[in-house]
Amino acid sequence: MRPLVPTPHRRPLGVIAVAAVSATLAGCGGSYATPGSPSATPTATSASAPSAANPSGQPMPPNELPGWHRVFSDNFEQTVPLGQFPAAVAAKWGRSYPDGLKDTSKQGTYEPTKVVSIGDGVLNIHVHTADGIHMVAALLPTIPGAQGSYGGLLYGRYSLRLRADPASGYKLSVLLWPDSEKWPKDGEIDFPETALGTPIIGFVHHQNGRSAVDQVGFYTDQTLTRWHTATITWLPTGITFQLDGNVIGTAYARIPNTPMHMIIQAETRLRGGVMTPTQESNIQFDWLTIATPACNRSMSVDPTTAACTPATLPALPS
């Protein structure tokens, strides 16, 4: 696998997305979701009382789910003080963007050694301003044995437990980005995406995309001010987003079909939010799991092998 050369810019996440959803909602009076898909407004799921071993009140799921083979997990049990991330956990997070690169808007600077820490079972990204620098981070998990050129998979299930303080000048996007770096041609998958304090949204950018808005979007009325579990299920048959176990939408058309790698991107907003030196947010993660379809345990990126067969491929959530 060739080493990842960080690209200090991505699609303008959050701005195009929010505008597209807002315009659609205004036009139709409802959530922007694939016709026939379940409601985009999730209902709360039960959680136990938070504890030192279970900070968010919901533990990491069992090691194997039916139809899936887990290839990465992090319950954030190793304490990592500020200044030691990602070096102290390089086997899992060493591909994260290094200090000094500008973020997408060019207003912020990736500074993982100054904003990322792990303690009490939680990974914390403390986006804030110090010495005139808006400090942010972009984290990339390393999947052992992944065969994509940037360490990506072809199809998978990605689930994480997270929350964040509201801060109008910052945003979060958990995304799957094409290993090919060919965008918008090879698509993109974003969920959860939010300007911190605003509703959680999700987007599927189509395979053979022709523009930044060649996409389908899904909307919720939930924010990250409390703990949520967000899950992407990406298969050749479709892409489903779930929030707290509830399906908020499924895309079926022009599904991305090349390897993609995950990025947890905490950044400054491009526009629409007010950035001030006093703004800050703690973006927190209790756990993260990644799985490949059990019928492709080798994580092959050959399109035929990765697609399995209709009889062996897991079903999309419903």
Foldseek 3Di string as FASTA:
>chain_A
DDADDDDQADPQPPPVQVVVQVVVCVVPVAWFFDPPDDALADDADDFADADLQRRQRHADDDCDDPQWHWQDKDQLPDWFDQQCPPVVVCLWWVNWDDFDRAHHLSQATEHRSHAWTTDSRKIKGKFAFDPNHGYWTKTFTAGPLADQPHRFFFWWKKKWKKAKAAFQFKKKWKKWAFSVNDPPQLWMWTPQIDRAPAWTKIWTRAHHHDDPPNIGMFTYRDHRNGMWMWMWGAALQWIWIDINNHTRHIDGPRGRGFTTTIMTTMGTRNDDGDDDNGTIMIMMTSMMIMIARPQPRSSDSPRVSSNRDPVSHDDDRD
